[in-house]
Amino acid sequence: MDETAVRDAAREYFDGLSPCHDVQHVRRVVATAKRLADATERGEHGPARDVDRDVLVAAAWLHDVGRAKESRGEIDDHAAWGASESRTVLRDLGERDDAFLDAVAHCVRAHRFSNDVEPETLEAELLCDADNLDATGAVGVARVFAYAGEYGNTLHDPDLPPAADDSPAGETSFNHFHKKILELADRTYTPAGRALAADRQAYVEEFLDRFEREARGDA
């Protein structure tokens, strides 16, 4: 698998996207996926396991190729469309191994946090973890507020604490952290993913504590 060719092909799908899901997000997911694969193969947080790097890296570059279409309302599910499109991209690059194409497509189909498709391979689990990890930690904090700025969402409303917010994703950025971002660690699949999620979640919890104190005028 020619990673450079896959990367260059993937980049064509991201013009005009929000910074929350642009090609820089994809680059971070690829880097994190490789880090998790390294830790998994070395057995840093559990039994050592072999990772099909070609499948994982190809899927990481291609996992969000459907984002722009979904943002424009042309498709309902970027993961489902992206799974099919990933096959097309790889075939156009000369890949003909059906098992490889199937494995990449499954990773792309299963990566989405909000769908009901569970990852069935180690590579799919690693991609899910890498994608979720980009939504937490310092980068995750930046993404939440970038989204708020893009859509004009309220950052924090002390009269609407998370416990009183009945919306699924949170009506404010502060509440969104409690509704979704702090739940991401529980959605990690691999030992390496869980270790990194714990570290990044600790940062988010510290940030939220400071944010709330500053909002009250206590810090």
N, C-alpha and C. Protein backbone atom coordinates (compact mmCIF):
# COMPACT_ATOMS: atom_id res chain seq x y z
N MET A 1 0.84 -1.19 0.00
CA MET A 1 0.00 0.00 0.00
C MET A 1 0.88 1.25 0.00
N ASP A 2 0.64 2.15 -0.93
CA ASP A 2 1.41 3.38 -1.05
C ASP A 2 0.71 4.46 -0.21
N GLU A 3 1.22 4.70 1.00
CA GLU A 3 0.55 5.65 1.89
C GLU A 3 0.50 7.06 1.31
N THR A 4 1.55 7.47 0.64
CA THR A 4 1.57 8.81 0.06
C THR A 4 0.46 8.98 -0.96
N ALA A 5 0.25 7.96 -1.78
CA ALA A 5 -0.81 8.03 -2.80
C ALA A 5 -2.19 8.07 -2.15
N VAL A 6 -2.39 7.27 -1.09
CA VAL A 6 -3.67 7.27 -0.39
C VAL A 6 -3.90 8.63 0.28
N ARG A 7 -2.87 9.16 0.91
CA ARG A 7 -2.97 10.48 1.55
C ARG A 7 -3.36 11.55 0.53
N ASP A 8 -2.67 11.56 -0.59
CA ASP A 8 -2.95 12.58 -1.60
C ASP A 8 -4.36 12.44 -2.16
N ALA A 9 -4.83 11.20 -2.33
CA ALA A 9 -6.19 10.98 -2.82
C ALA A 9 -7.20 11.45 -1.79
N ALA A 10 -6.95 11.17 -0.51
CA ALA A 10 -7.88 11.55 0.55
C ALA A 10 -8.02 13.06 0.65
N ARG A 11 -6.93 13.78 0.49
CA ARG A 11 -6.95 15.23 0.64
C ARG A 11 -7.93 15.92 -0.30
N GLU A 12 -8.23 15.28 -1.40
CA GLU A 12 -9.13 15.89 -2.39
C GLU A 12 -10.57 16.04 -1.87
N TYR A 13 -10.90 15.39 -0.77
CA TYR A 13 -12.28 15.35 -0.28
C TYR A 13 -12.57 16.40 0.80
N PHE A 14 -11.62 17.24 1.16
CA PHE A 14 -11.78 18.04 2.36
C PHE A 14 -11.82 19.55 2.15
N ASP A 15 -11.95 20.00 0.95
CA ASP A 15 -12.00 21.44 0.70
C ASP A 15 -13.23 22.07 1.36
N GLY A 16 -13.01 23.16 2.10
CA GLY A 16 -14.11 23.93 2.66
C GLY A 16 -14.75 23.36 3.91
N LEU A 17 -14.18 22.29 4.47
CA LEU A 17 -14.78 21.70 5.66
C LEU A 17 -14.42 22.48 6.93
N SER A 18 -15.27 22.35 7.92
CA SER A 18 -15.03 22.93 9.23
C SER A 18 -13.69 22.46 9.78
N PRO A 19 -13.00 23.30 10.57
CA PRO A 19 -11.76 22.85 11.20
C PRO A 19 -11.96 21.68 12.15
N CYS A 20 -13.19 21.40 12.52
CA CYS A 20 -13.45 20.25 13.37
C CYS A 20 -13.26 18.93 12.63
N HIS A 21 -13.45 18.96 11.31
CA HIS A 21 -13.35 17.73 10.53
C HIS A 21 -12.58 17.94 9.23
N ASP A 22 -11.61 18.81 9.24
CA ASP A 22 -10.85 19.08 8.03
C ASP A 22 -9.71 18.06 7.87
N VAL A 23 -8.86 18.28 6.88
CA VAL A 23 -7.79 17.33 6.63
C VAL A 23 -6.77 17.30 7.77
N GLN A 24 -6.69 18.38 8.55
CA GLN A 24 -5.78 18.36 9.71
C GLN A 24 -6.29 17.39 10.78
N HIS A 25 -7.60 17.30 10.92
CA HIS A 25 -8.17 16.28 11.80
C HIS A 25 -7.73 14.90 11.34
N VAL A 26 -7.80 14.66 10.04
CA VAL A 26 -7.42 13.36 9.49
C VAL A 26 -5.94 13.08 9.76
N ARG A 27 -5.10 14.07 9.57
CA ARG A 27 -3.66 13.89 9.84
C ARG A 27 -3.42 13.51 11.30
N ARG A 28 -4.17 14.13 12.21
CA ARG A 28 -3.99 13.79 13.63
C ARG A 28 -4.46 12.36 13.91
N VAL A 29 -5.57 11.97 13.29
CA VAL A 29 -6.08 10.61 13.49
C VAL A 29 -5.07 9.59 12.97
N VAL A 30 -4.47 9.85 11.83
CA VAL A 30 -3.46 8.94 11.29
C VAL A 30 -2.29 8.82 12.27
N ALA A 31 -1.81 9.95 12.77
CA ALA A 31 -0.68 9.93 13.70
C ALA A 31 -1.03 9.17 14.98
N THR A 32 -2.23 9.39 15.51
CA THR A 32 -2.64 8.70 16.73
C THR A 32 -2.83 7.21 16.46
N ALA A 33 -3.40 6.86 15.32
CA ALA A 33 -3.57 5.45 14.98
C ALA A 33 -2.22 4.73 14.94
N LYS A 34 -1.22 5.38 14.37
CA LYS A 34 0.12 4.77 14.32
C LYS A 34 0.69 4.63 15.73
N ARG A 35 0.46 5.64 16.57
CA ARG A 35 0.95 5.55 17.95
C ARG A 35 0.28 4.39 18.68
N LEU A 36 -1.02 4.25 18.53
CA LEU A 36 -1.73 3.14 19.18
C LEU A 36 -1.27 1.80 18.64
N ALA A 37 -1.01 1.73 17.33
CA ALA A 37 -0.52 0.48 16.74
C ALA A 37 0.85 0.12 17.32
N ASP A 38 1.72 1.11 17.46
CA ASP A 38 3.04 0.86 18.05
C ASP A 38 2.90 0.28 19.45
N ALA A 39 2.07 0.92 20.27
CA ALA A 39 1.89 0.46 21.65
C ALA A 39 1.27 -0.93 21.69
N THR A 40 0.35 -1.21 20.77
CA THR A 40 -0.30 -2.52 20.72
C THR A 40 0.68 -3.61 20.33
N GLU A 41 1.50 -3.33 19.35
CA GLU A 41 2.47 -4.34 18.89
C GLU A 41 3.57 -4.57 19.92
N ARG A 42 3.88 -3.55 20.71
CA ARG A 42 4.89 -3.72 21.76
C ARG A 42 4.31 -4.30 23.04
N GLY A 43 3.00 -4.38 23.13
CA GLY A 43 2.36 -4.91 24.33
C GLY A 43 2.51 -3.99 25.52
N GLU A 44 2.45 -2.68 25.30
CA GLU A 44 2.68 -1.74 26.39
C GLU A 44 1.58 -1.76 27.45
N HIS A 45 0.36 -2.06 27.04
CA HIS A 45 -0.76 -1.99 27.99
C HIS A 45 -1.54 -3.29 28.04
N GLY A 46 -0.98 -4.35 27.52
CA GLY A 46 -1.64 -5.66 27.50
C GLY A 46 -0.85 -6.59 26.61
N PRO A 47 -1.41 -7.74 26.28
CA PRO A 47 -0.69 -8.68 25.41
C PRO A 47 -0.36 -8.04 24.06
N ALA A 48 0.84 -8.30 23.57
CA ALA A 48 1.23 -7.78 22.27
C ALA A 48 0.40 -8.43 21.17
N ARG A 49 -0.04 -7.61 20.22
CA ARG A 49 -0.84 -8.12 19.10
C ARG A 49 -0.32 -7.51 17.80
N ASP A 50 -0.39 -8.29 16.74
CA ASP A 50 0.02 -7.79 15.43
C ASP A 50 -1.07 -6.91 14.84
N VAL A 51 -0.65 -5.85 14.19
CA VAL A 51 -1.58 -4.91 13.54
C VAL A 51 -1.28 -4.89 12.05
N ASP A 52 -2.32 -4.96 11.24
CA ASP A 52 -2.14 -4.80 9.80
C ASP A 52 -2.04 -3.30 9.53
N ARG A 53 -0.81 -2.81 9.43
CA ARG A 53 -0.58 -1.38 9.30
C ARG A 53 -1.18 -0.83 8.01
N ASP A 54 -1.11 -1.58 6.93
CA ASP A 54 -1.65 -1.08 5.67
C ASP A 54 -3.14 -0.83 5.78
N VAL A 55 -3.87 -1.76 6.38
CA VAL A 55 -5.31 -1.59 6.55
C VAL A 55 -5.60 -0.40 7.44
N LEU A 56 -4.92 -0.33 8.58
CA LEU A 56 -5.19 0.75 9.54
C LEU A 56 -4.87 2.12 8.95
N VAL A 57 -3.73 2.26 8.34
CA VAL A 57 -3.31 3.57 7.84
C VAL A 57 -4.18 4.00 6.66
N ALA A 58 -4.49 3.08 5.76
CA ALA A 58 -5.37 3.43 4.64
C ALA A 58 -6.73 3.88 5.16
N ALA A 59 -7.27 3.14 6.11
CA ALA A 59 -8.59 3.49 6.66
C ALA A 59 -8.55 4.82 7.40
N ALA A 60 -7.45 5.09 8.09
CA ALA A 60 -7.34 6.35 8.83
C ALA A 60 -7.34 7.54 7.86
N TRP A 61 -6.62 7.43 6.77
CA TRP A 61 -6.63 8.52 5.79
C TRP A 61 -8.00 8.70 5.13
N LEU A 62 -8.73 7.60 4.98
CA LEU A 62 -9.98 7.64 4.21
C LEU A 62 -11.24 7.72 5.07
N HIS A 63 -11.12 7.69 6.39
CA HIS A 63 -12.30 7.49 7.22
C HIS A 63 -13.34 8.61 7.11
N ASP A 64 -12.92 9.82 6.78
CA ASP A 64 -13.85 10.95 6.73
C ASP A 64 -14.05 11.50 5.32
N VAL A 65 -13.80 10.71 4.29
CA VAL A 65 -13.95 11.24 2.93
C VAL A 65 -15.39 11.62 2.61
N GLY A 66 -16.34 11.12 3.37
CA GLY A 66 -17.74 11.47 3.15
C GLY A 66 -18.23 12.67 3.94
N ARG A 67 -17.38 13.27 4.75
CA ARG A 67 -17.80 14.36 5.63
C ARG A 67 -18.36 15.55 4.86
N ALA A 68 -17.69 15.94 3.79
CA ALA A 68 -18.15 17.11 3.05
C ALA A 68 -19.53 16.87 2.45
N LYS A 69 -19.76 15.69 1.91
CA LYS A 69 -21.08 15.37 1.35
C LYS A 69 -22.15 15.40 2.43
N GLU A 70 -21.84 14.86 3.60
CA GLU A 70 -22.82 14.88 4.69
C GLU A 70 -23.08 16.32 5.13
N SER A 71 -22.05 17.13 5.21
CA SER A 71 -22.22 18.53 5.62
C SER A 71 -23.09 19.30 4.64
N ARG A 72 -23.00 18.95 3.37
CA ARG A 72 -23.83 19.62 2.35
C ARG A 72 -25.22 19.01 2.24
N GLY A 73 -25.52 17.98 3.02
CA GLY A 73 -26.83 17.35 2.99
C GLY A 73 -27.04 16.40 1.82
N GLU A 74 -25.95 15.99 1.17
CA GLU A 74 -26.07 15.11 0.01
C GLU A 74 -26.19 13.64 0.40
N ILE A 75 -25.72 13.28 1.59
CA ILE A 75 -25.82 11.92 2.11
C ILE A 75 -26.19 11.99 3.58
N ASP A 76 -26.70 10.89 4.11
CA ASP A 76 -27.10 10.86 5.52
C ASP A 76 -25.99 10.39 6.44
N ASP A 77 -25.12 9.52 5.94
CA ASP A 77 -24.13 8.88 6.81
C ASP A 77 -22.78 8.84 6.11
N HIS A 78 -21.86 9.69 6.55
CA HIS A 78 -20.57 9.75 5.88
C HIS A 78 -19.77 8.47 6.05
N ALA A 79 -20.02 7.72 7.12
CA ALA A 79 -19.28 6.47 7.32
C ALA A 79 -19.71 5.40 6.33
N ALA A 80 -21.01 5.30 6.10
CA ALA A 80 -21.51 4.31 5.14
C ALA A 80 -21.05 4.66 3.73
N TRP A 81 -21.19 5.93 3.35
CA TRP A 81 -20.77 6.35 2.01
C TRP A 81 -19.25 6.22 1.88
N GLY A 82 -18.54 6.59 2.94
CA GLY A 82 -17.09 6.53 2.89
C GLY A 82 -16.56 5.13 2.76
N ALA A 83 -17.26 4.15 3.34
CA ALA A 83 -16.82 2.76 3.21
C ALA A 83 -16.82 2.34 1.75
N SER A 84 -17.89 2.70 1.04
CA SER A 84 -17.96 2.39 -0.38
C SER A 84 -16.93 3.18 -1.18
N GLU A 85 -16.80 4.45 -0.86
CA GLU A 85 -15.87 5.30 -1.59
C GLU A 85 -14.43 4.87 -1.37
N SER A 86 -14.13 4.35 -0.18
CA SER A 86 -12.76 3.92 0.09
C SER A 86 -12.35 2.80 -0.86
N ARG A 87 -13.29 1.93 -1.18
CA ARG A 87 -13.00 0.86 -2.15
C ARG A 87 -12.66 1.47 -3.51
N THR A 88 -13.44 2.46 -3.92
CA THR A 88 -13.21 3.11 -5.21
C THR A 88 -11.85 3.77 -5.26
N VAL A 89 -11.52 4.51 -4.20
CA VAL A 89 -10.23 5.20 -4.15
C VAL A 89 -9.08 4.20 -4.26
N LEU A 90 -9.16 3.13 -3.48
CA LEU A 90 -8.06 2.17 -3.46
C LEU A 90 -7.96 1.39 -4.76
N ARG A 91 -9.11 1.08 -5.35
CA ARG A 91 -9.06 0.42 -6.67
C ARG A 91 -8.43 1.34 -7.71
N ASP A 92 -8.78 2.62 -7.66
CA ASP A 92 -8.19 3.57 -8.60
C ASP A 92 -6.68 3.69 -8.42
N LEU A 93 -6.21 3.37 -7.22
CA LEU A 93 -4.77 3.41 -6.95
C LEU A 93 -4.09 2.08 -7.24
N GLY A 94 -4.87 1.12 -7.75
CA GLY A 94 -4.29 -0.15 -8.16
C GLY A 94 -4.46 -1.30 -7.20
N GLU A 95 -5.16 -1.07 -6.08
CA GLU A 95 -5.38 -2.15 -5.12
C GLU A 95 -6.45 -3.10 -5.66
N ARG A 96 -6.15 -4.39 -5.68
CA ARG A 96 -7.09 -5.37 -6.21
C ARG A 96 -7.39 -6.50 -5.23
N ASP A 97 -6.78 -6.46 -4.06
CA ASP A 97 -6.98 -7.51 -3.06
C ASP A 97 -8.32 -7.28 -2.35
N ASP A 98 -9.30 -8.14 -2.62
CA ASP A 98 -10.63 -7.95 -2.05
C ASP A 98 -10.61 -7.99 -0.53
N ALA A 99 -9.79 -8.84 0.04
CA ALA A 99 -9.72 -8.93 1.51
C ALA A 99 -9.23 -7.62 2.11
N PHE A 100 -8.25 -7.02 1.46
CA PHE A 100 -7.73 -5.72 1.91
C PHE A 100 -8.80 -4.64 1.79
N LEU A 101 -9.49 -4.60 0.64
CA LEU A 101 -10.54 -3.61 0.43
C LEU A 101 -11.66 -3.79 1.44
N ASP A 102 -12.04 -5.03 1.72
CA ASP A 102 -13.09 -5.30 2.70
C ASP A 102 -12.68 -4.83 4.08
N ALA A 103 -11.42 -5.08 4.45
CA ALA A 103 -10.95 -4.72 5.78
C ALA A 103 -10.93 -3.21 5.97
N VAL A 104 -10.46 -2.49 4.94
CA VAL A 104 -10.45 -1.03 5.03
C VAL A 104 -11.87 -0.48 5.10
N ALA A 105 -12.74 -1.01 4.23
CA ALA A 105 -14.13 -0.53 4.20
C ALA A 105 -14.81 -0.76 5.55
N HIS A 106 -14.54 -1.89 6.18
CA HIS A 106 -15.16 -2.14 7.50
C HIS A 106 -14.68 -1.12 8.52
N CYS A 107 -13.39 -0.82 8.52
CA CYS A 107 -12.87 0.19 9.45
C CYS A 107 -13.57 1.53 9.26
N VAL A 108 -13.71 1.93 8.00
CA VAL A 108 -14.36 3.21 7.71
C VAL A 108 -15.83 3.18 8.14
N ARG A 109 -16.50 2.09 7.85
CA ARG A 109 -17.93 1.97 8.19
C ARG A 109 -18.15 2.00 9.70
N ALA A 110 -17.25 1.43 10.46
CA ALA A 110 -17.47 1.27 11.90
C ALA A 110 -16.90 2.41 12.74
N HIS A 111 -16.20 3.37 12.12
CA HIS A 111 -15.48 4.34 12.95
C HIS A 111 -16.38 5.35 13.62
N ARG A 112 -17.58 5.57 13.11
CA ARG A 112 -18.40 6.69 13.58
C ARG A 112 -18.91 6.45 15.01
N PHE A 113 -18.73 7.45 15.85
CA PHE A 113 -19.12 7.35 17.27
C PHE A 113 -20.61 7.09 17.43
N SER A 114 -21.42 7.73 16.58
CA SER A 114 -22.87 7.71 16.80
C SER A 114 -23.61 6.63 16.02
N ASN A 115 -22.89 5.76 15.31
CA ASN A 115 -23.64 4.73 14.59
C ASN A 115 -23.73 3.45 15.42
N ASP A 116 -24.40 2.44 14.86
CA ASP A 116 -24.61 1.20 15.60
C ASP A 116 -23.80 0.05 15.01
N VAL A 117 -22.71 0.38 14.33
CA VAL A 117 -21.84 -0.63 13.73
C VAL A 117 -20.63 -0.82 14.62
N GLU A 118 -20.49 -1.99 15.20
CA GLU A 118 -19.37 -2.25 16.10
C GLU A 118 -18.15 -2.70 15.31
N PRO A 119 -16.96 -2.25 15.68
CA PRO A 119 -15.75 -2.72 15.02
C PRO A 119 -15.51 -4.20 15.29
N GLU A 120 -15.20 -4.94 14.25
CA GLU A 120 -15.03 -6.39 14.37
C GLU A 120 -13.59 -6.83 14.20
N THR A 121 -12.69 -5.91 13.96
CA THR A 121 -11.28 -6.24 13.81
C THR A 121 -10.45 -5.32 14.69
N LEU A 122 -9.22 -5.73 14.96
CA LEU A 122 -8.33 -4.89 15.76
C LEU A 122 -8.09 -3.56 15.08
N GLU A 123 -7.92 -3.58 13.77
CA GLU A 123 -7.66 -2.35 13.04
C GLU A 123 -8.85 -1.38 13.14
N ALA A 124 -10.06 -1.92 13.07
CA ALA A 124 -11.25 -1.08 13.22
C ALA A 124 -11.34 -0.50 14.62
N GLU A 125 -10.99 -1.29 15.62
CA GLU A 125 -10.99 -0.79 16.99
C GLU A 125 -9.96 0.33 17.17
N LEU A 126 -8.79 0.15 16.59
CA LEU A 126 -7.75 1.17 16.71
C LEU A 126 -8.17 2.47 16.02
N LEU A 127 -8.82 2.35 14.87
CA LEU A 127 -9.28 3.56 14.18
C LEU A 127 -10.36 4.26 14.99
N CYS A 128 -11.31 3.51 15.55
CA CYS A 128 -12.33 4.12 16.41
C CYS A 128 -11.67 4.88 17.55
N ASP A 129 -10.71 4.24 18.19
CA ASP A 129 -10.04 4.88 19.32
C ASP A 129 -9.31 6.15 18.89
N ALA A 130 -8.59 6.07 17.77
CA ALA A 130 -7.83 7.23 17.30
C ALA A 130 -8.76 8.39 16.97
N ASP A 131 -9.89 8.09 16.34
CA ASP A 131 -10.84 9.14 15.98
C ASP A 131 -11.47 9.75 17.22
N ASN A 132 -11.86 8.93 18.17
CA ASN A 132 -12.45 9.44 19.41
C ASN A 132 -11.44 10.25 20.22
N LEU A 133 -10.18 9.82 20.21
CA LEU A 133 -9.17 10.52 20.98
C LEU A 133 -8.93 11.93 20.46
N ASP A 134 -9.21 12.18 19.20
CA ASP A 134 -9.04 13.53 18.67
C ASP A 134 -10.12 14.48 19.17
N ALA A 135 -11.15 13.92 19.80
CA ALA A 135 -12.23 14.74 20.35
C ALA A 135 -12.06 15.03 21.83
N THR A 136 -10.95 14.58 22.41
CA THR A 136 -10.72 14.84 23.82
C THR A 136 -9.32 15.40 23.99
N GLY A 137 -8.91 15.67 25.23
CA GLY A 137 -7.64 16.31 25.45
C GLY A 137 -7.65 17.76 25.00
N ALA A 138 -6.48 18.35 24.83
CA ALA A 138 -6.39 19.76 24.44
C ALA A 138 -6.98 20.00 23.06
N VAL A 139 -6.73 19.10 22.13
CA VAL A 139 -7.30 19.26 20.79
C VAL A 139 -8.82 19.18 20.86
N GLY A 140 -9.33 18.27 21.66
CA GLY A 140 -10.78 18.15 21.80
C GLY A 140 -11.41 19.42 22.35
N VAL A 141 -10.76 20.03 23.33
CA VAL A 141 -11.25 21.31 23.86
C VAL A 141 -11.31 22.35 22.75
N ALA A 142 -10.24 22.43 21.96
CA ALA A 142 -10.21 23.40 20.87
C ALA A 142 -11.32 23.13 19.86
N ARG A 143 -11.57 21.86 19.57
CA ARG A 143 -12.60 21.52 18.58
C ARG A 143 -14.00 21.90 19.07
N VAL A 144 -14.27 21.68 20.35
CA VAL A 144 -15.59 22.03 20.89
C VAL A 144 -15.85 23.52 20.73
N PHE A 145 -14.87 24.34 21.04
CA PHE A 145 -15.09 25.78 20.96
C PHE A 145 -15.02 26.29 19.53
N ALA A 146 -14.27 25.60 18.68
CA ALA A 146 -14.31 25.95 17.25
C ALA A 146 -15.71 25.72 16.70
N TYR A 147 -16.32 24.62 17.10
CA TYR A 147 -17.69 24.30 16.66
C TYR A 147 -18.66 25.35 17.19
N ALA A 148 -18.48 25.76 18.44
CA ALA A 148 -19.36 26.78 19.02
C ALA A 148 -19.27 28.08 18.24
N GLY A 149 -18.05 28.47 17.89
CA GLY A 149 -17.89 29.69 17.12
C GLY A 149 -18.50 29.60 15.73
N GLU A 150 -18.38 28.43 15.13
CA GLU A 150 -18.91 28.24 13.78
C GLU A 150 -20.43 28.34 13.75
N TYR A 151 -21.08 27.81 14.78
CA TYR A 151 -22.55 27.76 14.78
C TYR A 151 -23.19 28.74 15.76
N GLY A 152 -22.39 29.58 16.40
CA GLY A 152 -22.94 30.58 17.30
C GLY A 152 -23.54 30.00 18.57
N ASN A 153 -23.00 28.89 19.06
CA ASN A 153 -23.52 28.27 20.28
C ASN A 153 -23.02 28.99 21.53
N THR A 154 -23.80 28.95 22.57
CA THR A 154 -23.42 29.52 23.86
C THR A 154 -22.31 28.69 24.49
N LEU A 155 -21.31 29.36 25.04
CA LEU A 155 -20.22 28.62 25.66
C LEU A 155 -20.65 28.00 26.99
N HIS A 156 -21.33 28.79 27.82
CA HIS A 156 -21.69 28.30 29.15
C HIS A 156 -22.85 29.13 29.68
N ASP A 157 -23.81 28.45 30.27
CA ASP A 157 -24.97 29.11 30.90
C ASP A 157 -25.10 28.56 32.31
N PRO A 158 -24.73 29.34 33.33
CA PRO A 158 -24.80 28.82 34.70
C PRO A 158 -26.21 28.48 35.14
N ASP A 159 -27.23 28.99 34.44
CA ASP A 159 -28.61 28.65 34.77
C ASP A 159 -29.05 27.34 34.13
N LEU A 160 -28.18 26.75 33.32
CA LEU A 160 -28.49 25.46 32.69
C LEU A 160 -27.32 24.50 32.92
N PRO A 161 -27.23 23.96 34.14
CA PRO A 161 -26.14 23.01 34.42
C PRO A 161 -26.36 21.71 33.64
N PRO A 162 -25.31 20.93 33.45
CA PRO A 162 -25.44 19.69 32.67
C PRO A 162 -26.56 18.77 33.15
N ALA A 163 -26.77 18.67 34.46
CA ALA A 163 -27.80 17.77 34.99
C ALA A 163 -29.21 18.20 34.59
N ALA A 164 -29.39 19.48 34.32
CA ALA A 164 -30.72 19.98 33.95
C ALA A 164 -30.90 20.10 32.44
N ASP A 165 -29.89 19.75 31.69
CA ASP A 165 -29.91 19.87 30.23
C ASP A 165 -30.39 18.55 29.64
N ASP A 166 -31.58 18.54 29.06
CA ASP A 166 -32.15 17.30 28.53
C ASP A 166 -31.76 17.02 27.08
N SER A 167 -31.02 17.91 26.45
CA SER A 167 -30.65 17.70 25.05
C SER A 167 -29.59 16.61 24.95
N PRO A 168 -29.59 15.84 23.87
CA PRO A 168 -28.64 14.71 23.74
C PRO A 168 -27.18 15.15 23.74
N ALA A 169 -26.88 16.26 23.09
CA ALA A 169 -25.48 16.67 22.94
C ALA A 169 -25.11 17.85 23.81
N GLY A 170 -26.06 18.45 24.52
CA GLY A 170 -25.78 19.60 25.35
C GLY A 170 -26.06 20.90 24.62
N GLU A 171 -26.80 21.79 25.25
CA GLU A 171 -27.17 23.05 24.62
C GLU A 171 -26.05 24.07 24.65
N THR A 172 -25.06 23.88 25.50
CA THR A 172 -23.91 24.78 25.57
C THR A 172 -22.64 23.95 25.38
N SER A 173 -21.57 24.64 25.08
CA SER A 173 -20.29 23.93 24.94
C SER A 173 -19.90 23.25 26.24
N PHE A 174 -20.08 23.94 27.35
CA PHE A 174 -19.74 23.35 28.65
C PHE A 174 -20.52 22.06 28.87
N ASN A 175 -21.80 22.09 28.56
CA ASN A 175 -22.62 20.90 28.76
C ASN A 175 -22.26 19.79 27.78
N HIS A 176 -21.83 20.17 26.58
CA HIS A 176 -21.43 19.16 25.59
C HIS A 176 -20.27 18.31 26.11
N PHE A 177 -19.36 18.94 26.82
CA PHE A 177 -18.26 18.16 27.42
C PHE A 177 -18.81 17.06 28.32
N HIS A 178 -19.80 17.42 29.13
CA HIS A 178 -20.36 16.45 30.07
C HIS A 178 -21.25 15.43 29.39
N LYS A 179 -21.91 15.82 28.30
CA LYS A 179 -22.83 14.92 27.61
C LYS A 179 -22.10 13.93 26.71
N LYS A 180 -20.98 14.35 26.13
CA LYS A 180 -20.32 13.50 25.15
C LYS A 180 -18.83 13.32 25.40
N ILE A 181 -18.10 14.43 25.53
CA ILE A 181 -16.65 14.33 25.53
C ILE A 181 -16.13 13.50 26.70
N LEU A 182 -16.70 13.68 27.88
CA LEU A 182 -16.24 12.91 29.03
C LEU A 182 -16.70 11.45 28.98
N GLU A 183 -17.56 11.13 28.02
CA GLU A 183 -18.00 9.74 27.85
C GLU A 183 -17.10 8.97 26.88
N LEU A 184 -16.22 9.67 26.19
CA LEU A 184 -15.43 9.02 25.15
C LEU A 184 -14.49 7.95 25.70
N ALA A 185 -13.96 8.17 26.88
CA ALA A 185 -13.04 7.19 27.45
C ALA A 185 -13.71 5.83 27.63
N ASP A 186 -15.01 5.84 27.90
CA ASP A 186 -15.74 4.59 28.07
C ASP A 186 -16.03 3.91 26.74
N ARG A 187 -15.79 4.60 25.62
CA ARG A 187 -16.03 4.04 24.31
C ARG A 187 -14.75 3.56 23.63
N THR A 188 -13.63 3.55 24.36
CA THR A 188 -12.39 3.05 23.78
C THR A 188 -12.39 1.53 23.81
N TYR A 189 -11.77 0.94 22.81
CA TYR A 189 -11.80 -0.51 22.63
C TYR A 189 -10.50 -1.21 22.98
N THR A 190 -9.39 -0.52 22.88
CA THR A 190 -8.09 -1.17 23.03
C THR A 190 -7.39 -0.71 24.29
N PRO A 191 -6.52 -1.54 24.86
CA PRO A 191 -5.76 -1.09 26.04
C PRO A 191 -4.95 0.18 25.78
N ALA A 192 -4.34 0.26 24.61
CA ALA A 192 -3.56 1.46 24.28
C ALA A 192 -4.46 2.68 24.19
N GLY A 193 -5.64 2.51 23.62
CA GLY A 193 -6.59 3.60 23.52
C GLY A 193 -7.07 4.05 24.88
N ARG A 194 -7.34 3.09 25.76
CA ARG A 194 -7.82 3.44 27.10
C ARG A 194 -6.76 4.21 27.89
N ALA A 195 -5.51 3.82 27.74
CA ALA A 195 -4.44 4.52 28.46
C ALA A 195 -4.33 5.97 28.01
N LEU A 196 -4.37 6.19 26.72
CA LEU A 196 -4.27 7.55 26.21
C LEU A 196 -5.53 8.35 26.52
N ALA A 197 -6.69 7.70 26.47
CA ALA A 197 -7.94 8.39 26.79
C ALA A 197 -7.96 8.86 28.23
N ALA A 198 -7.44 8.04 29.13
CA ALA A 198 -7.42 8.43 30.55
C ALA A 198 -6.59 9.68 30.76
N ASP A 199 -5.45 9.75 30.10
CA ASP A 199 -4.58 10.92 30.23
C ASP A 199 -5.26 12.17 29.66
N ARG A 200 -5.87 12.03 28.49
CA ARG A 200 -6.51 13.19 27.86
C ARG A 200 -7.76 13.61 28.62
N GLN A 201 -8.50 12.64 29.15
CA GLN A 201 -9.70 13.00 29.91
C GLN A 201 -9.33 13.75 31.18
N ALA A 202 -8.24 13.37 31.80
CA ALA A 202 -7.80 14.08 33.01
C ALA A 202 -7.54 15.56 32.69
N TYR A 203 -6.99 15.82 31.53
CA TYR A 203 -6.76 17.21 31.12
C TYR A 203 -8.09 17.93 30.95
N VAL A 204 -9.07 17.30 30.30
CA VAL A 204 -10.37 17.93 30.08
C VAL A 204 -11.05 18.22 31.42
N GLU A 205 -10.99 17.28 32.35
CA GLU A 205 -11.61 17.49 33.66
C GLU A 205 -10.97 18.66 34.39
N GLU A 206 -9.66 18.76 34.30
CA GLU A 206 -8.96 19.89 34.93
C GLU A 206 -9.37 21.20 34.27
N PHE A 207 -9.46 21.20 32.95
CA PHE A 207 -9.87 22.40 32.23
C PHE A 207 -11.28 22.83 32.62
N LEU A 208 -12.22 21.87 32.69
CA LEU A 208 -13.60 22.21 33.02
C LEU A 208 -13.73 22.75 34.43
N ASP A 209 -12.94 22.21 35.34
CA ASP A 209 -12.96 22.72 36.71
C ASP A 209 -12.50 24.18 36.73
N ARG A 210 -11.42 24.47 36.02
CA ARG A 210 -10.92 25.85 35.96
C ARG A 210 -11.91 26.76 35.24
N PHE A 211 -12.48 26.27 34.15
CA PHE A 211 -13.45 27.06 33.38
C PHE A 211 -14.63 27.45 34.27
N GLU A 212 -15.17 26.48 35.02
CA GLU A 212 -16.35 26.76 35.85
C GLU A 212 -16.00 27.74 36.97
N ARG A 213 -14.83 27.59 37.55
CA ARG A 213 -14.44 28.52 38.61
C ARG A 213 -14.27 29.93 38.07
N GLU A 214 -13.67 30.05 36.89
CA GLU A 214 -13.52 31.38 36.28
C GLU A 214 -14.89 31.97 35.93
N ALA A 215 -15.81 31.13 35.44
CA ALA A 215 -17.14 31.62 35.08
C ALA A 215 -17.88 32.15 36.31
N ARG A 216 -17.62 31.57 37.49
CA ARG A 216 -18.25 32.03 38.72
C ARG A 216 -17.51 33.24 39.30
N GLY A 217 -16.35 33.56 38.78
CA GLY A 217 -15.55 34.64 39.33
C GLY A 217 -14.69 34.19 40.49
N ASP A 218 -14.50 32.88 40.65
CA ASP A 218 -13.74 32.34 41.78
C ASP A 218 -12.27 32.12 41.45
N ALA A 219 -11.88 32.34 40.22
CA ALA A 219 -10.48 32.10 39.85
C ALA A 219 -10.04 33.17 38.84
